[in-house]
Amino acid sequence: MEFEVPIDIFQSVSVIITPHDKGFTCGIIDPKPTAEKDTCSIIAKGIVRFVTKNPDLIYDEGILAFTEEDKTKVSNGEEDNVIDLLTFKNKKDLH
């Protein structure tokens, strides 16, 4: 897949997960100011919210991910990890 604009990792939103005495802790590193939050910022916030409310599910998904035979395939059938969110949501809404 070719991109119109190269990916700039310095503008990336990062979800950070680190060990803690009681298990783990997670947070977000987002270089953009609040007024410029975008889809990536929203997804990162959702990931952190989901992880903190459902740590058991996330752990189980991690175990499954490690045990799957084909780790490179994503649900859209492509060999990369770029997901067209609008296409993905439209397919999901049809079911």
N, C-alpha and C. Protein backbone atom coordinates (compact mmCIF):
# COMPACT_ATOMS: atom_id res chain seq x y z
N MET A 1 0.84 -1.17 0.00
CA MET A 1 0.00 0.00 0.00
C MET A 1 0.89 1.23 0.00
N GLU A 2 0.62 2.17 -0.90
CA GLU A 2 1.40 3.40 -0.95
C GLU A 2 0.62 4.52 -0.29
N PHE A 3 1.33 5.39 0.39
CA PHE A 3 0.71 6.51 1.08
C PHE A 3 0.97 7.79 0.31
N GLU A 4 -0.03 8.69 0.31
CA GLU A 4 0.15 10.00 -0.33
C GLU A 4 1.19 10.81 0.44
N VAL A 5 1.15 10.70 1.76
CA VAL A 5 2.09 11.40 2.63
C VAL A 5 2.79 10.33 3.47
N PRO A 6 4.10 10.39 3.58
CA PRO A 6 4.79 9.38 4.40
C PRO A 6 4.34 9.44 5.86
N ILE A 7 4.39 8.30 6.52
CA ILE A 7 4.02 8.24 7.94
C ILE A 7 5.10 8.95 8.75
N ASP A 8 4.66 9.86 9.62
CA ASP A 8 5.57 10.61 10.48
C ASP A 8 5.44 10.09 11.90
N ILE A 9 6.40 9.27 12.33
CA ILE A 9 6.29 8.67 13.66
C ILE A 9 6.36 9.70 14.78
N PHE A 10 6.88 10.88 14.48
CA PHE A 10 6.97 11.92 15.51
C PHE A 10 5.64 12.63 15.72
N GLN A 11 4.68 12.38 14.85
CA GLN A 11 3.32 12.88 15.04
C GLN A 11 2.38 11.75 15.45
N SER A 12 2.95 10.59 15.73
CA SER A 12 2.15 9.43 16.11
C SER A 12 1.58 9.58 17.51
N VAL A 13 0.45 8.94 17.71
CA VAL A 13 -0.12 8.82 19.04
C VAL A 13 0.31 7.45 19.53
N SER A 14 0.87 7.38 20.74
CA SER A 14 1.36 6.12 21.28
C SER A 14 0.60 5.73 22.53
N VAL A 15 0.22 4.47 22.59
CA VAL A 15 -0.35 3.91 23.81
C VAL A 15 0.79 3.19 24.50
N ILE A 16 1.07 3.59 25.72
CA ILE A 16 2.19 3.06 26.49
C ILE A 16 1.65 2.12 27.57
N ILE A 17 2.21 0.92 27.62
CA ILE A 17 1.85 -0.06 28.65
C ILE A 17 3.13 -0.45 29.36
N THR A 18 3.12 -0.35 30.68
CA THR A 18 4.33 -0.62 31.44
C THR A 18 3.99 -1.43 32.69
N PRO A 19 4.93 -2.27 33.14
CA PRO A 19 4.68 -3.05 34.36
C PRO A 19 4.48 -2.12 35.57
N HIS A 20 3.72 -2.62 36.52
CA HIS A 20 3.44 -1.91 37.77
C HIS A 20 3.42 -2.96 38.88
N ASP A 21 3.65 -2.53 40.11
CA ASP A 21 3.63 -3.46 41.25
C ASP A 21 2.37 -4.31 41.29
N LYS A 22 1.25 -3.75 40.89
CA LYS A 22 -0.04 -4.45 40.95
C LYS A 22 -0.46 -5.04 39.61
N GLY A 23 0.41 -4.99 38.61
CA GLY A 23 0.06 -5.54 37.30
C GLY A 23 0.64 -4.73 36.17
N PHE A 24 -0.12 -3.74 35.72
CA PHE A 24 0.35 -2.88 34.65
C PHE A 24 -0.34 -1.53 34.74
N THR A 25 0.20 -0.57 34.04
CA THR A 25 -0.44 0.73 33.90
C THR A 25 -0.32 1.15 32.45
N CYS A 26 -1.21 1.97 31.98
CA CYS A 26 -1.14 2.40 30.58
C CYS A 26 -1.54 3.87 30.47
N GLY A 27 -1.09 4.48 29.40
CA GLY A 27 -1.38 5.88 29.15
C GLY A 27 -1.14 6.21 27.69
N ILE A 28 -1.22 7.48 27.37
CA ILE A 28 -1.11 7.94 25.99
C ILE A 28 -0.03 9.01 25.89
N ILE A 29 0.75 8.93 24.84
CA ILE A 29 1.66 10.02 24.47
C ILE A 29 1.12 10.57 23.15
N ASP A 30 0.68 11.81 23.17
CA ASP A 30 0.09 12.43 21.99
C ASP A 30 0.71 13.81 21.82
N PRO A 31 1.53 14.00 20.77
CA PRO A 31 2.22 15.27 20.60
C PRO A 31 1.33 16.43 20.12
N LYS A 32 0.12 16.11 19.72
CA LYS A 32 -0.75 17.16 19.18
C LYS A 32 -1.45 17.93 20.28
N PRO A 33 -1.66 19.23 20.08
CA PRO A 33 -2.42 20.00 21.08
C PRO A 33 -3.89 19.54 21.10
N THR A 34 -4.58 19.80 22.19
CA THR A 34 -5.96 19.36 22.37
C THR A 34 -6.85 19.74 21.19
N ALA A 35 -6.68 20.92 20.65
CA ALA A 35 -7.52 21.39 19.55
C ALA A 35 -7.30 20.60 18.27
N GLU A 36 -6.19 19.87 18.16
CA GLU A 36 -5.87 19.14 16.94
C GLU A 36 -6.01 17.63 17.08
N LYS A 37 -6.71 17.16 18.09
CA LYS A 37 -6.89 15.72 18.26
C LYS A 37 -7.62 15.18 17.05
N ASP A 38 -7.22 13.98 16.61
CA ASP A 38 -7.80 13.40 15.41
C ASP A 38 -8.22 11.96 15.67
N THR A 39 -8.49 11.22 14.60
CA THR A 39 -8.93 9.84 14.71
C THR A 39 -7.97 9.00 15.55
N CYS A 40 -6.68 9.18 15.36
CA CYS A 40 -5.70 8.40 16.13
C CYS A 40 -5.80 8.71 17.62
N SER A 41 -5.99 9.97 17.96
CA SER A 41 -6.12 10.36 19.37
C SER A 41 -7.36 9.72 19.98
N ILE A 42 -8.45 9.71 19.23
CA ILE A 42 -9.71 9.13 19.72
C ILE A 42 -9.56 7.63 19.91
N ILE A 43 -8.93 6.95 18.94
CA ILE A 43 -8.73 5.51 19.06
C ILE A 43 -7.83 5.19 20.24
N ALA A 44 -6.76 5.94 20.43
CA ALA A 44 -5.86 5.71 21.56
C ALA A 44 -6.61 5.87 22.88
N LYS A 45 -7.41 6.90 22.99
CA LYS A 45 -8.20 7.12 24.21
C LYS A 45 -9.15 5.96 24.44
N GLY A 46 -9.76 5.45 23.36
CA GLY A 46 -10.65 4.30 23.47
C GLY A 46 -9.93 3.04 23.91
N ILE A 47 -8.72 2.84 23.38
CA ILE A 47 -7.92 1.67 23.76
C ILE A 47 -7.62 1.71 25.25
N VAL A 48 -7.16 2.85 25.74
CA VAL A 48 -6.83 2.96 27.17
C VAL A 48 -8.08 2.76 28.02
N ARG A 49 -9.19 3.33 27.61
CA ARG A 49 -10.44 3.15 28.35
C ARG A 49 -10.85 1.69 28.39
N PHE A 50 -10.80 1.02 27.23
CA PHE A 50 -11.19 -0.38 27.15
C PHE A 50 -10.26 -1.27 27.99
N VAL A 51 -8.96 -1.01 27.90
CA VAL A 51 -7.99 -1.81 28.65
C VAL A 51 -8.22 -1.68 30.15
N THR A 52 -8.44 -0.46 30.62
CA THR A 52 -8.59 -0.26 32.07
C THR A 52 -9.92 -0.80 32.58
N LYS A 53 -10.93 -0.89 31.73
CA LYS A 53 -12.22 -1.44 32.15
C LYS A 53 -12.32 -2.94 31.92
N ASN A 54 -11.48 -3.50 31.03
CA ASN A 54 -11.57 -4.92 30.66
C ASN A 54 -10.20 -5.59 30.60
N PRO A 55 -9.39 -5.50 31.64
CA PRO A 55 -8.04 -6.06 31.56
C PRO A 55 -8.02 -7.56 31.29
N ASP A 56 -9.02 -8.29 31.79
CA ASP A 56 -9.07 -9.73 31.57
C ASP A 56 -9.28 -10.06 30.10
N LEU A 57 -10.15 -9.33 29.43
CA LEU A 57 -10.40 -9.55 27.99
C LEU A 57 -9.17 -9.22 27.16
N ILE A 58 -8.51 -8.13 27.50
CA ILE A 58 -7.31 -7.72 26.76
C ILE A 58 -6.21 -8.75 26.93
N TYR A 59 -6.04 -9.25 28.13
CA TYR A 59 -5.03 -10.27 28.38
C TYR A 59 -5.32 -11.52 27.54
N ASP A 60 -6.58 -11.96 27.57
CA ASP A 60 -6.97 -13.14 26.78
C ASP A 60 -6.72 -12.92 25.29
N GLU A 61 -7.03 -11.72 24.79
CA GLU A 61 -6.79 -11.41 23.37
C GLU A 61 -5.29 -11.44 23.06
N GLY A 62 -4.48 -10.97 23.99
CA GLY A 62 -3.03 -11.02 23.81
C GLY A 62 -2.52 -12.45 23.72
N ILE A 63 -3.04 -13.31 24.57
CA ILE A 63 -2.66 -14.73 24.53
C ILE A 63 -3.07 -15.33 23.19
N LEU A 64 -4.29 -15.05 22.74
CA LEU A 64 -4.75 -15.56 21.45
C LEU A 64 -3.87 -15.05 20.30
N ALA A 65 -3.50 -13.79 20.36
CA ALA A 65 -2.66 -13.21 19.31
C ALA A 65 -1.32 -13.92 19.23
N PHE A 66 -0.76 -14.28 20.38
CA PHE A 66 0.52 -14.99 20.38
C PHE A 66 0.40 -16.41 19.86
N THR A 67 -0.77 -17.02 20.01
CA THR A 67 -0.93 -18.41 19.61
C THR A 67 -1.48 -18.59 18.20
N GLU A 68 -1.95 -17.52 17.58
CA GLU A 68 -2.47 -17.65 16.22
C GLU A 68 -1.35 -18.03 15.26
N GLU A 69 -1.68 -18.87 14.30
CA GLU A 69 -0.67 -19.30 13.33
C GLU A 69 -0.26 -18.17 12.39
N ASP A 70 -1.21 -17.41 11.92
CA ASP A 70 -0.90 -16.36 10.95
C ASP A 70 -1.06 -15.01 11.63
N LYS A 71 0.04 -14.49 12.19
CA LYS A 71 -0.01 -13.26 12.96
C LYS A 71 -0.04 -12.01 12.09
N THR A 72 0.23 -12.13 10.80
CA THR A 72 0.32 -10.93 9.97
C THR A 72 -1.00 -10.54 9.32
N LYS A 73 -1.95 -11.46 9.25
CA LYS A 73 -3.22 -11.12 8.62
C LYS A 73 -4.06 -10.29 9.59
N VAL A 74 -4.71 -9.26 9.07
CA VAL A 74 -5.66 -8.49 9.86
C VAL A 74 -7.05 -8.80 9.35
N SER A 75 -8.06 -8.40 10.07
CA SER A 75 -9.43 -8.80 9.76
C SER A 75 -9.90 -8.33 8.38
N ASN A 76 -9.25 -7.35 7.79
CA ASN A 76 -9.68 -6.90 6.47
C ASN A 76 -9.04 -7.72 5.35
N GLY A 77 -8.26 -8.74 5.70
CA GLY A 77 -7.69 -9.64 4.72
C GLY A 77 -6.42 -9.16 4.06
N GLU A 78 -5.92 -8.00 4.41
CA GLU A 78 -4.70 -7.49 3.83
C GLU A 78 -3.50 -7.94 4.64
N GLU A 79 -2.33 -7.90 4.02
CA GLU A 79 -1.11 -8.36 4.67
C GLU A 79 -0.44 -7.28 5.51
N ASP A 80 -1.01 -6.11 5.61
CA ASP A 80 -0.38 -5.03 6.37
C ASP A 80 -1.24 -4.69 7.59
N ASN A 81 -0.83 -3.69 8.31
CA ASN A 81 -1.58 -3.32 9.51
C ASN A 81 -2.27 -1.97 9.37
N VAL A 82 -2.51 -1.54 8.12
CA VAL A 82 -3.24 -0.30 7.88
C VAL A 82 -4.71 -0.65 7.71
N ILE A 83 -5.54 -0.03 8.49
CA ILE A 83 -6.98 -0.31 8.45
C ILE A 83 -7.71 0.95 8.01
N ASP A 84 -8.48 0.83 6.94
CA ASP A 84 -9.34 1.92 6.48
C ASP A 84 -10.57 1.92 7.38
N LEU A 85 -10.60 2.82 8.34
CA LEU A 85 -11.64 2.83 9.36
C LEU A 85 -13.04 2.95 8.77
N LEU A 86 -13.23 3.81 7.78
CA LEU A 86 -14.56 3.98 7.19
C LEU A 86 -15.03 2.70 6.51
N THR A 87 -14.16 2.06 5.75
CA THR A 87 -14.52 0.80 5.10
C THR A 87 -14.81 -0.27 6.14
N PHE A 88 -13.97 -0.35 7.16
CA PHE A 88 -14.18 -1.33 8.22
C PHE A 88 -15.51 -1.14 8.92
N LYS A 89 -15.84 0.12 9.26
CA LYS A 89 -17.10 0.41 9.96
C LYS A 89 -18.29 0.11 9.04
N ASN A 90 -18.19 0.45 7.76
CA ASN A 90 -19.28 0.20 6.83
C ASN A 90 -19.55 -1.30 6.70
N LYS A 91 -18.49 -2.12 6.59
CA LYS A 91 -18.67 -3.57 6.52
C LYS A 91 -19.32 -4.10 7.79
N LYS A 92 -18.90 -3.58 8.93
CA LYS A 92 -19.44 -4.03 10.21
C LYS A 92 -20.91 -3.65 10.35
N ASP A 93 -21.28 -2.44 9.87
CA ASP A 93 -22.65 -1.98 9.98
C ASP A 93 -23.61 -2.79 9.09
N LEU A 94 -23.07 -3.40 8.03
CA LEU A 94 -23.91 -4.19 7.13
C LEU A 94 -24.31 -5.52 7.74
N HIS A 95 -23.56 -5.99 8.74
CA HIS A 95 -23.84 -7.30 9.35
C HIS A 95 -24.75 -7.19 10.52
